[in-house]
Amino acid sequence: MEIYYLRVTEAQHILSALNLTTTLCSKLAALTLLALAGVGPDTPWVEASDGRKGMARGIRDFMRTVYNWREASTEHAFVRMRGQVLQPLVAVGLVLRNPDNPTLPCTSPRLHFALTPALVPLLRAYGTPHWEKALAAFQQMRGARREPHPGAAQPDPLSSLRTFTGV
């Protein structure tokens, strides 16, 4: 049975606005983003959080219980989420893998993920008059982070986002 929630579509819009690949704008990627942000169907984006969540007891449970997505329990969904969503989101710098212990092996039962601190204010700006400016500031910060100038002082990447979100 196919489910529809407005938040899933909104999460796909956010991922698309970040110029990610089609795979990273899928329903599975949107549900993963929602789980990591703790945003349910009735949760406003302004309440997005950066809590850490494990694969089984965090992300997949959230998808299953909050969004009634039964496929979250399957091994196939687990493998797809890990390989097609989480690893690429880590690679593009939107998600952190084991932020408090980066040396933790990927086979550890304590494996967990969190949104990057810079992404949370952007999510909180979604649906507000500040969204476009916050998105532009985030994209500028991401571009600057990809090509840092050697020896240049780096400004606080969150300062411009705090202005728009009041965080």
C-alpha atoms as a PDB file:
ATOM      1  CA  MET A   1       0.000   0.000   0.000  1.00  0.00           C
ATOM      2  CA  GLU A   2       1.432   3.372  -1.037  1.00  0.00           C
ATOM      3  CA  ILE A   3       1.444   6.076   1.599  1.00  0.00           C
ATOM      4  CA  TYR A   4       1.238   9.782   1.029  1.00  0.00           C
ATOM      5  CA  TYR A   5       2.254  12.467   3.438  1.00  0.00           C
ATOM      6  CA  LEU A   6       2.854  16.103   2.601  1.00  0.00           C
ATOM      7  CA  ARG A   7       6.102  16.057   4.622  1.00  0.00           C
ATOM      8  CA  VAL A   8       7.551  13.366   2.319  1.00  0.00           C
ATOM      9  CA  THR A   9       6.909  15.578  -0.709  1.00  0.00           C
ATOM     10  CA  GLU A  10       8.369  18.577   1.125  1.00  0.00           C
ATOM     11  CA  ALA A  11      11.481  16.596   2.070  1.00  0.00           C
ATOM     12  CA  GLN A  12      11.886  15.611  -1.582  1.00  0.00           C
ATOM     13  CA  HIS A  13      11.584  19.292  -2.523  1.00  0.00           C
ATOM     14  CA  ILE A  14      14.321  20.203  -0.020  1.00  0.00           C
ATOM     15  CA  LEU A  15      16.631  17.497  -1.362  1.00  0.00           C
ATOM     16  CA  SER A  16      15.919  18.600  -4.924  1.00  0.00           C
ATOM     17  CA  ALA A  17      16.625  22.247  -4.005  1.00  0.00           C
ATOM     18  CA  LEU A  18      20.067  21.079  -2.839  1.00  0.00           C
ATOM     19  CA  ASN A  19      20.741  19.878  -6.406  1.00  0.00           C
ATOM     20  CA  LEU A  20      21.126  16.248  -5.381  1.00  0.00           C
ATOM     21  CA  THR A  21      20.848  13.263  -7.715  1.00  0.00           C
ATOM     22  CA  THR A  22      17.484  11.701  -8.505  1.00  0.00           C
ATOM     23  CA  THR A  23      18.264   8.803  -6.154  1.00  0.00           C
ATOM     24  CA  LEU A  24      18.886  11.252  -3.311  1.00  0.00           C
ATOM     25  CA  CYS A  25      15.511  12.884  -3.987  1.00  0.00           C
ATOM     26  CA  SER A  26      13.581   9.602  -3.763  1.00  0.00           C
ATOM     27  CA  LYS A  27      10.873   8.690  -1.272  1.00  0.00           C
ATOM     28  CA  LEU A  28      13.403   6.598   0.662  1.00  0.00           C
ATOM     29  CA  ALA A  29      15.816   9.544   0.858  1.00  0.00           C
ATOM     30  CA  ALA A  30      12.967  11.835   1.939  1.00  0.00           C
ATOM     31  CA  LEU A  31      11.886   9.417   4.673  1.00  0.00           C
ATOM     32  CA  THR A  32      15.507   9.136   5.811  1.00  0.00           C
ATOM     33  CA  LEU A  33      15.810  12.929   6.024  1.00  0.00           C
ATOM     34  CA  LEU A  34      12.534  13.138   7.952  1.00  0.00           C
ATOM     35  CA  ALA A  35      13.681  10.435  10.366  1.00  0.00           C
ATOM     36  CA  LEU A  36      17.040  12.094  10.986  1.00  0.00           C
ATOM     37  CA  ALA A  37      15.327  15.470  11.509  1.00  0.00           C
ATOM     38  CA  GLY A  38      12.602  13.981  13.709  1.00  0.00           C
ATOM     39  CA  VAL A  39       9.900  15.544  11.524  1.00  0.00           C
ATOM     40  CA  GLY A  40       6.625  13.634  11.535  1.00  0.00           C
ATOM     41  CA  PRO A  41       3.520  14.263   9.409  1.00  0.00           C
ATOM     42  CA  ASP A  42       2.241  16.871  11.879  1.00  0.00           C
ATOM     43  CA  THR A  43       5.608  18.268  12.970  1.00  0.00           C
ATOM     44  CA  PRO A  44       6.442  21.706  11.581  1.00  0.00           C
ATOM     45  CA  TRP A  45       9.838  22.013   9.918  1.00  0.00           C
ATOM     46  CA  VAL A  46      10.791  24.684  12.433  1.00  0.00           C
ATOM     47  CA  GLU A  47      11.005  21.838  14.991  1.00  0.00           C
ATOM     48  CA  ALA A  48      13.574  19.844  13.000  1.00  0.00           C
ATOM     49  CA  SER A  49      16.308  18.482  15.255  1.00  0.00           C
ATOM     50  CA  ASP A  50      19.753  16.980  14.899  1.00  0.00           C
ATOM     51  CA  GLY A  51      19.382  13.970  17.156  1.00  0.00           C
ATOM     52  CA  ARG A  52      21.489  10.915  16.430  1.00  0.00           C
ATOM     53  CA  LYS A  53      19.729   7.840  15.148  1.00  0.00           C
ATOM     54  CA  GLY A  54      20.878   4.309  14.504  1.00  0.00           C
ATOM     55  CA  MET A  55      19.850   2.352  11.437  1.00  0.00           C
ATOM     56  CA  ALA A  56      17.493  -0.165  13.036  1.00  0.00           C
ATOM     57  CA  ARG A  57      16.214   1.390  16.221  1.00  0.00           C
ATOM     58  CA  GLY A  58      16.275   4.948  14.989  1.00  0.00           C
ATOM     59  CA  ILE A  59      15.752   5.611  11.321  1.00  0.00           C
ATOM     60  CA  ARG A  60      13.861   2.460  10.348  1.00  0.00           C
ATOM     61  CA  ASP A  61      11.658   2.483  13.459  1.00  0.00           C
ATOM     62  CA  PHE A  62      10.774   6.126  12.774  1.00  0.00           C
ATOM     63  CA  MET A  63       9.793   5.309   9.185  1.00  0.00           C
ATOM     64  CA  ARG A  64       7.700   2.363  10.309  1.00  0.00           C
ATOM     65  CA  THR A  65       5.957   3.889  13.327  1.00  0.00           C
ATOM     66  CA  VAL A  66       5.622   7.556  12.363  1.00  0.00           C
ATOM     67  CA  TYR A  67       5.067   7.192   8.604  1.00  0.00           C
ATOM     68  CA  ASN A  68       3.574   3.663   8.619  1.00  0.00           C
ATOM     69  CA  TRP A  69       6.088   2.526   6.016  1.00  0.00           C
ATOM     70  CA  ARG A  70       6.109  -1.254   6.448  1.00  0.00           C
ATOM     71  CA  GLU A  71       8.947  -1.779   3.977  1.00  0.00           C
ATOM     72  CA  ALA A  72      11.309  -0.138   6.484  1.00  0.00           C
ATOM     73  CA  SER A  73      11.558  -3.515   8.222  1.00  0.00           C
ATOM     74  CA  THR A  74      12.804  -5.392   5.178  1.00  0.00           C
ATOM     75  CA  GLU A  75      16.424  -6.274   4.556  1.00  0.00           C
ATOM     76  CA  HIS A  76      16.087  -4.877   1.026  1.00  0.00           C
ATOM     77  CA  ALA A  77      15.090  -1.438   2.370  1.00  0.00           C
ATOM     78  CA  PHE A  78      17.958  -1.572   4.862  1.00  0.00           C
ATOM     79  CA  VAL A  79      20.514  -2.288   2.122  1.00  0.00           C
ATOM     80  CA  ARG A  80      19.045   0.385  -0.183  1.00  0.00           C
ATOM     81  CA  MET A  81      18.958   2.979   2.597  1.00  0.00           C
ATOM     82  CA  ARG A  82      22.558   2.316   3.538  1.00  0.00           C
ATOM     83  CA  GLY A  83      24.007   2.173   0.019  1.00  0.00           C
ATOM     84  CA  GLN A  84      21.784   4.515  -1.975  1.00  0.00           C
ATOM     85  CA  VAL A  85      20.891   7.133   0.629  1.00  0.00           C
ATOM     86  CA  LEU A  86      23.001   7.302   3.788  1.00  0.00           C
ATOM     87  CA  GLN A  87      26.442   6.715   2.275  1.00  0.00           C
ATOM     88  CA  PRO A  88      25.860   9.313  -0.490  1.00  0.00           C
ATOM     89  CA  LEU A  89      24.396  11.824   2.004  1.00  0.00           C
ATOM     90  CA  VAL A  90      27.508  11.377   4.132  1.00  0.00           C
ATOM     91  CA  ALA A  91      29.685  11.774   1.023  1.00  0.00           C
ATOM     92  CA  VAL A  92      28.039  15.087   0.041  1.00  0.00           C
ATOM     93  CA  GLY A  93      28.354  16.401   3.590  1.00  0.00           C
ATOM     94  CA  LEU A  94      24.703  16.538   4.667  1.00  0.00           C
ATOM     95  CA  VAL A  95      24.820  13.673   7.162  1.00  0.00           C
ATOM     96  CA  LEU A  96      27.446  12.683   9.705  1.00  0.00           C
ATOM     97  CA  ARG A  97      28.314   9.035  10.356  1.00  0.00           C
ATOM     98  CA  ASN A  98      29.086   8.353  14.025  1.00  0.00           C
ATOM     99  CA  PRO A  99      29.743  12.044  14.805  1.00  0.00           C
ATOM    100  CA  ASP A 100      30.961  11.304  18.324  1.00  0.00           C
ATOM    101  CA  ASN A 101      33.125   8.329  17.295  1.00  0.00           C
ATOM    102  CA  PRO A 102      34.104   8.433  13.585  1.00  0.00           C
ATOM    103  CA  THR A 103      36.353   5.383  13.968  1.00  0.00           C
ATOM    104  CA  LEU A 104      33.408   3.145  14.862  1.00  0.00           C
ATOM    105  CA  PRO A 105      33.242   0.377  12.215  1.00  0.00           C
ATOM    106  CA  CYS A 106      30.256   0.250   9.871  1.00  0.00           C
ATOM    107  CA  THR A 107      29.413  -3.206  11.243  1.00  0.00           C
ATOM    108  CA  SER A 108      29.041  -1.934  14.801  1.00  0.00           C
ATOM    109  CA  PRO A 109      25.579  -2.189  16.375  1.00  0.00           C
ATOM    110  CA  ARG A 110      26.268   1.328  17.719  1.00  0.00           C
ATOM    111  CA  LEU A 111      26.478   2.767  14.168  1.00  0.00           C
ATOM    112  CA  HIS A 112      24.455   5.981  14.038  1.00  0.00           C
ATOM    113  CA  PHE A 113      23.896   9.036  11.884  1.00  0.00           C
ATOM    114  CA  ALA A 114      23.006  12.696  12.396  1.00  0.00           C
ATOM    115  CA  LEU A 115      22.306  15.697  10.224  1.00  0.00           C
ATOM    116  CA  THR A 116      25.177  18.146   9.911  1.00  0.00           C
ATOM    117  CA  PRO A 117      24.828  21.199  12.175  1.00  0.00           C
ATOM    118  CA  ALA A 118      24.591  23.466   9.109  1.00  0.00           C
ATOM    119  CA  LEU A 119      21.655  21.555   7.589  1.00  0.00           C
ATOM    120  CA  VAL A 120      19.318  21.832  10.582  1.00  0.00           C
ATOM    121  CA  PRO A 121      18.795  25.631  10.356  1.00  0.00           C
ATOM    122  CA  LEU A 122      18.054  25.241   6.645  1.00  0.00           C
ATOM    123  CA  LEU A 123      15.396  22.623   7.388  1.00  0.00           C
ATOM    124  CA  ARG A 124      13.908  24.888  10.054  1.00  0.00           C
ATOM    125  CA  ALA A 125      13.625  27.680   7.481  1.00  0.00           C
ATOM    126  CA  TYR A 126      11.609  25.533   5.059  1.00  0.00           C
ATOM    127  CA  GLY A 127       8.114  26.894   4.573  1.00  0.00           C
ATOM    128  CA  THR A 128       9.016  30.278   6.047  1.00  0.00           C
ATOM    129  CA  PRO A 129       9.665  33.574   4.275  1.00  0.00           C
ATOM    130  CA  HIS A 130      13.367  32.959   5.007  1.00  0.00           C
ATOM    131  CA  TRP A 131      13.647  29.727   2.970  1.00  0.00           C
ATOM    132  CA  GLU A 132      15.087  31.187  -0.238  1.00  0.00           C
ATOM    133  CA  LYS A 133      17.715  33.279   1.560  1.00  0.00           C
ATOM    134  CA  ALA A 134      18.624  30.401   3.872  1.00  0.00           C
ATOM    135  CA  LEU A 135      18.940  28.058   0.882  1.00  0.00           C
ATOM    136  CA  ALA A 136      21.183  30.525  -0.959  1.00  0.00           C
ATOM    137  CA  ALA A 137      23.365  30.969   2.141  1.00  0.00           C
ATOM    138  CA  PHE A 138      23.566  27.194   2.632  1.00  0.00           C
ATOM    139  CA  GLN A 139      24.505  26.576  -0.996  1.00  0.00           C
ATOM    140  CA  GLN A 140      27.127  29.316  -0.848  1.00  0.00           C
ATOM    141  CA  MET A 141      28.544  27.788   2.334  1.00  0.00           C
ATOM    142  CA  ARG A 142      28.593  24.305   0.755  1.00  0.00           C
ATOM    143  CA  GLY A 143      30.354  25.645  -2.326  1.00  0.00           C
ATOM    144  CA  ALA A 144      32.915  27.446  -0.197  1.00  0.00           C
ATOM    145  CA  ARG A 145      33.479  24.336   1.871  1.00  0.00           C
ATOM    146  CA  ARG A 146      34.168  22.245  -1.240  1.00  0.00           C
ATOM    147  CA  GLU A 147      36.852  24.620  -2.481  1.00  0.00           C
ATOM    148  CA  PRO A 148      38.515  26.205   0.550  1.00  0.00           C
ATOM    149  CA  HIS A 149      41.145  28.796  -0.181  1.00  0.00           C
ATOM    150  CA  PRO A 150      44.453  27.634   1.349  1.00  0.00           C
ATOM    151  CA  GLY A 151      45.385  29.715   4.369  1.00  0.00           C
ATOM    152  CA  ALA A 152      42.239  31.848   4.245  1.00  0.00           C
ATOM    153  CA  ALA A 153      40.345  32.493   7.441  1.00  0.00           C
ATOM    154  CA  GLN A 154      37.000  30.736   7.338  1.00  0.00           C
ATOM    155  CA  PRO A 155      33.953  32.650   8.614  1.00  0.00           C
ATOM    156  CA  ASP A 156      31.385  30.960  10.821  1.00  0.00           C
ATOM    157  CA  PRO A 157      29.327  29.020   8.231  1.00  0.00           C
ATOM    158  CA  LEU A 158      26.206  29.156  10.405  1.00  0.00           C
ATOM    159  CA  SER A 159      26.195  32.916  11.058  1.00  0.00           C
ATOM    160  CA  SER A 160      24.191  33.805   7.947  1.00  0.00           C
ATOM    161  CA  LEU A 161      21.691  31.007   8.621  1.00  0.00           C
ATOM    162  CA  ARG A 162      21.210  32.126  12.231  1.00  0.00           C
ATOM    163  CA  THR A 163      20.205  35.541  10.933  1.00  0.00           C
ATOM    164  CA  PHE A 164      17.354  34.024   8.933  1.00  0.00           C
ATOM    165  CA  THR A 165      16.131  31.442  11.416  1.00  0.00           C
ATOM    166  CA  GLY A 166      16.743  33.144  14.731  1.00  0.00           C
ATOM    167  CA  VAL A 167      18.791  30.148  15.902  1.00  0.00           C
END
